Amino acid sequence: MKTLKMVRDGLTRLQLGFSLILLTLMTLSIIYQVFSRQVLGTAPAWTEQLSKLLFVWVSFMGIAYGFKAKLHIGVGLFVGMLPEKLQDVFDYIAKGLIILFGVVLVYYGMEFTILMNNSTIPGLGITSSVLYAAIPVTGFFVLLYGVELLFKKGLHEKYDDVSEE
């Protein structure tokens, strides 16, 4: 179990570091675009396309990290009104849905990424697969965090006090 936690922690650090680099590049690209447009009078087309590509990746990495940090909306108030046995049932249903969501993202994201391999992103000249690869990568992290949740007691410490998470 410690090895799994070490691997997960390493992958999470990699994910956050990658996201930080992408966010920095996106910010620099936008600054360059604004500078070029306002000061030089013309902005290169590639800066807008690069910013969109990086925005998609940063957003999808944020979605995946949201599952780890339990930042997504839950129905804790409703579940908190149920008997404890039913709370456990709903807990496992929610964990199963998270894992299923991760599997769907990986499977269909891979199919779509492969499908988009023949098209290119205008202005960048790279394959559109680079953009759509964010989907299966996010699915992998959602799946990883979903499996980790299976080994924990509940999605939340207390269903009636979800806001403290």
Protein backbone atom coordinates (compact mmCIF):
# COMPACT_ATOMS: atom_id res chain seq x y z
CA MET A 1 0.00 0.00 0.00
CA LYS A 2 2.90 2.37 0.74
CA THR A 3 4.35 1.72 -2.70
CA LEU A 4 1.03 2.58 -4.33
CA LYS A 5 0.86 5.79 -2.30
CA MET A 6 4.43 6.72 -3.29
CA VAL A 7 3.66 6.13 -6.97
CA ARG A 8 0.42 8.10 -6.70
CA ASP A 9 2.18 10.97 -4.90
CA GLY A 10 4.90 11.03 -7.56
CA LEU A 11 2.34 11.07 -10.37
CA THR A 12 0.39 13.82 -8.61
CA ARG A 13 3.55 15.94 -8.27
CA LEU A 14 4.26 15.33 -11.95
CA GLN A 15 0.69 16.32 -12.84
CA LEU A 16 0.83 19.52 -10.79
CA GLY A 17 4.29 20.44 -12.10
CA PHE A 18 3.17 19.83 -15.68
CA SER A 19 0.06 21.95 -15.07
CA LEU A 20 2.16 24.78 -13.62
CA ILE A 21 4.48 24.75 -16.65
CA LEU A 22 1.50 24.78 -19.03
CA LEU A 23 -0.18 27.60 -17.12
CA THR A 24 3.04 29.63 -17.23
CA LEU A 25 3.44 29.04 -20.97
CA MET A 26 -0.20 29.99 -21.56
CA THR A 27 0.25 33.21 -19.60
CA LEU A 28 3.43 34.09 -21.51
CA SER A 29 1.71 33.34 -24.82
CA ILE A 30 -1.19 35.64 -23.97
CA ILE A 31 1.16 38.40 -22.77
CA TYR A 32 3.12 38.12 -26.02
CA GLN A 33 -0.10 38.20 -28.04
CA VAL A 34 -1.36 41.34 -26.27
CA PHE A 35 2.05 43.02 -26.56
CA SER A 36 2.27 42.18 -30.26
CA ARG A 37 -1.23 43.43 -30.96
CA GLN A 38 -1.07 46.63 -28.91
CA VAL A 39 2.56 47.66 -29.41
CA LEU A 40 3.61 46.09 -32.71
CA GLY A 41 0.20 46.39 -34.35
CA THR A 42 -0.12 42.73 -35.35
CA ALA A 43 -0.31 39.51 -33.39
CA PRO A 44 0.96 36.18 -34.67
CA ALA A 45 -1.82 33.64 -35.25
CA TRP A 46 0.00 30.88 -33.40
CA THR A 47 -0.26 32.61 -29.99
CA GLU A 48 -4.04 32.32 -29.91
CA GLN A 49 -3.98 28.67 -30.96
CA LEU A 50 -1.24 27.86 -28.45
CA SER A 51 -3.18 29.58 -25.67
CA LYS A 52 -6.30 27.56 -26.49
CA LEU A 53 -4.34 24.31 -26.55
CA LEU A 54 -2.69 25.06 -23.20
CA PHE A 55 -6.01 26.18 -21.70
CA VAL A 56 -7.60 22.84 -22.58
CA TRP A 57 -4.72 20.93 -21.00
CA VAL A 58 -4.66 23.05 -17.84
CA SER A 59 -8.44 22.74 -17.49
CA PHE A 60 -8.43 18.98 -17.90
CA MET A 61 -5.55 18.57 -15.44
CA GLY A 62 -7.58 20.68 -13.00
CA ILE A 63 -10.58 18.40 -13.47
CA ALA A 64 -8.45 15.37 -12.63
CA TYR A 65 -6.88 17.02 -9.59
CA GLY A 66 -10.35 18.03 -8.42
CA PHE A 67 -11.17 14.34 -8.00
CA LYS A 68 -8.10 13.81 -5.83
CA ALA A 69 -8.77 16.89 -3.71
CA LYS A 70 -12.52 16.13 -3.54
CA LEU A 71 -13.40 19.54 -4.94
CA HIS A 72 -16.27 18.45 -7.17
CA ILE A 73 -19.89 18.93 -6.18
CA GLY A 74 -21.44 16.12 -4.17
CA VAL A 75 -24.87 15.33 -2.77
CA GLY A 76 -23.71 15.03 0.82
CA LEU A 77 -26.76 16.68 2.32
CA PHE A 78 -29.13 14.15 0.75
CA VAL A 79 -26.90 11.18 1.57
CA GLY A 80 -26.39 12.44 5.13
CA MET A 81 -30.13 12.02 5.80
CA LEU A 82 -30.00 8.30 5.00
CA PRO A 83 -29.21 5.48 7.44
CA GLU A 84 -25.51 4.65 7.72
CA LYS A 85 -25.84 1.40 5.73
CA LEU A 86 -27.42 3.26 2.81
CA GLN A 87 -24.73 5.94 3.07
CA ASP A 88 -22.14 3.22 2.52
CA VAL A 89 -24.08 1.95 -0.51
CA PHE A 90 -24.21 5.44 -2.02
CA ASP A 91 -20.53 5.88 -1.20
CA TYR A 92 -19.58 2.81 -3.22
CA ILE A 93 -21.94 3.77 -6.05
CA ALA A 94 -20.24 7.19 -6.23
CA LYS A 95 -16.78 5.58 -6.20
CA GLY A 96 -17.86 3.19 -8.94
CA LEU A 97 -19.17 6.07 -11.05
CA ILE A 98 -15.89 7.94 -10.64
CA ILE A 99 -13.96 4.87 -11.80
CA LEU A 100 -16.39 4.34 -14.68
CA PHE A 101 -15.98 8.00 -15.68
CA GLY A 102 -12.19 7.54 -15.71
CA VAL A 103 -12.46 4.40 -17.84
CA VAL A 104 -14.78 6.14 -20.32
CA LEU A 105 -12.41 9.10 -20.58
CA VAL A 106 -9.42 6.83 -21.20
CA TYR A 107 -11.15 4.55 -23.71
CA TYR A 108 -13.06 7.08 -25.79
CA GLY A 109 -10.37 9.72 -25.33
CA MET A 110 -7.82 7.35 -26.86
CA GLU A 111 -10.15 6.58 -29.75
CA PHE A 112 -10.78 10.26 -30.40
CA THR A 113 -7.09 11.15 -30.05
CA ILE A 114 -6.19 8.52 -32.64
CA LEU A 115 -9.03 9.69 -34.90
CA MET A 116 -7.74 13.28 -34.79
CA ASN A 117 -4.19 12.26 -35.73
CA ASN A 118 -4.73 13.22 -39.39
CA SER A 119 -5.87 16.79 -38.71
CA THR A 120 -3.68 19.70 -37.70
CA ILE A 121 -4.14 22.72 -35.48
CA PRO A 122 -4.09 25.83 -37.70
CA GLY A 123 -1.33 28.25 -36.83
CA LEU A 124 0.67 25.65 -34.93
CA GLY A 125 1.04 23.00 -37.61
CA ILE A 126 0.90 20.14 -35.11
CA THR A 127 -1.51 17.24 -35.06
CA SER A 128 -4.83 17.79 -33.29
CA SER A 129 -4.07 14.64 -31.29
CA VAL A 130 -1.90 16.78 -29.02
CA LEU A 131 -5.00 18.72 -28.02
CA TYR A 132 -7.26 15.70 -27.57
CA ALA A 133 -4.66 13.66 -25.68
CA ALA A 134 -5.70 15.68 -22.63
CA ILE A 135 -8.86 13.53 -22.44
CA PRO A 136 -7.27 10.09 -21.88
CA VAL A 137 -4.54 11.58 -19.67
CA THR A 138 -7.24 13.12 -17.48
CA GLY A 139 -9.09 9.80 -17.52
CA PHE A 140 -5.96 8.04 -16.27
CA PHE A 141 -5.68 10.40 -13.30
CA VAL A 142 -9.42 10.19 -12.54
CA LEU A 143 -9.14 6.40 -12.64
CA LEU A 144 -6.07 6.47 -10.39
CA TYR A 145 -7.76 8.71 -7.83
CA GLY A 146 -11.01 6.72 -8.09
CA VAL A 147 -9.25 3.45 -7.31
CA GLU A 148 -7.53 5.14 -4.39
CA LEU A 149 -10.94 6.21 -3.06
CA LEU A 150 -12.03 2.57 -2.96
CA PHE A 151 -9.55 2.02 -0.13
CA LYS A 152 -10.90 4.90 1.92
CA LYS A 153 -13.92 4.77 4.23
CA GLY A 154 -15.98 7.50 2.60
CA LEU A 155 -15.83 10.16 -0.05
CA HIS A 156 -16.23 12.68 2.77
CA GLU A 157 -15.39 12.43 6.46
CA LYS A 158 -18.97 13.33 7.34
CA TYR A 159 -21.74 13.60 4.79
CA ASP A 160 -23.50 16.30 6.74
CA ASP A 161 -20.41 18.53 6.80
CA VAL A 162 -19.09 18.38 3.24
CA SER A 163 -18.24 22.09 3.17
CA GLU A 164 -15.22 21.59 5.44
CA GLU A 165 -13.46 19.42 2.85
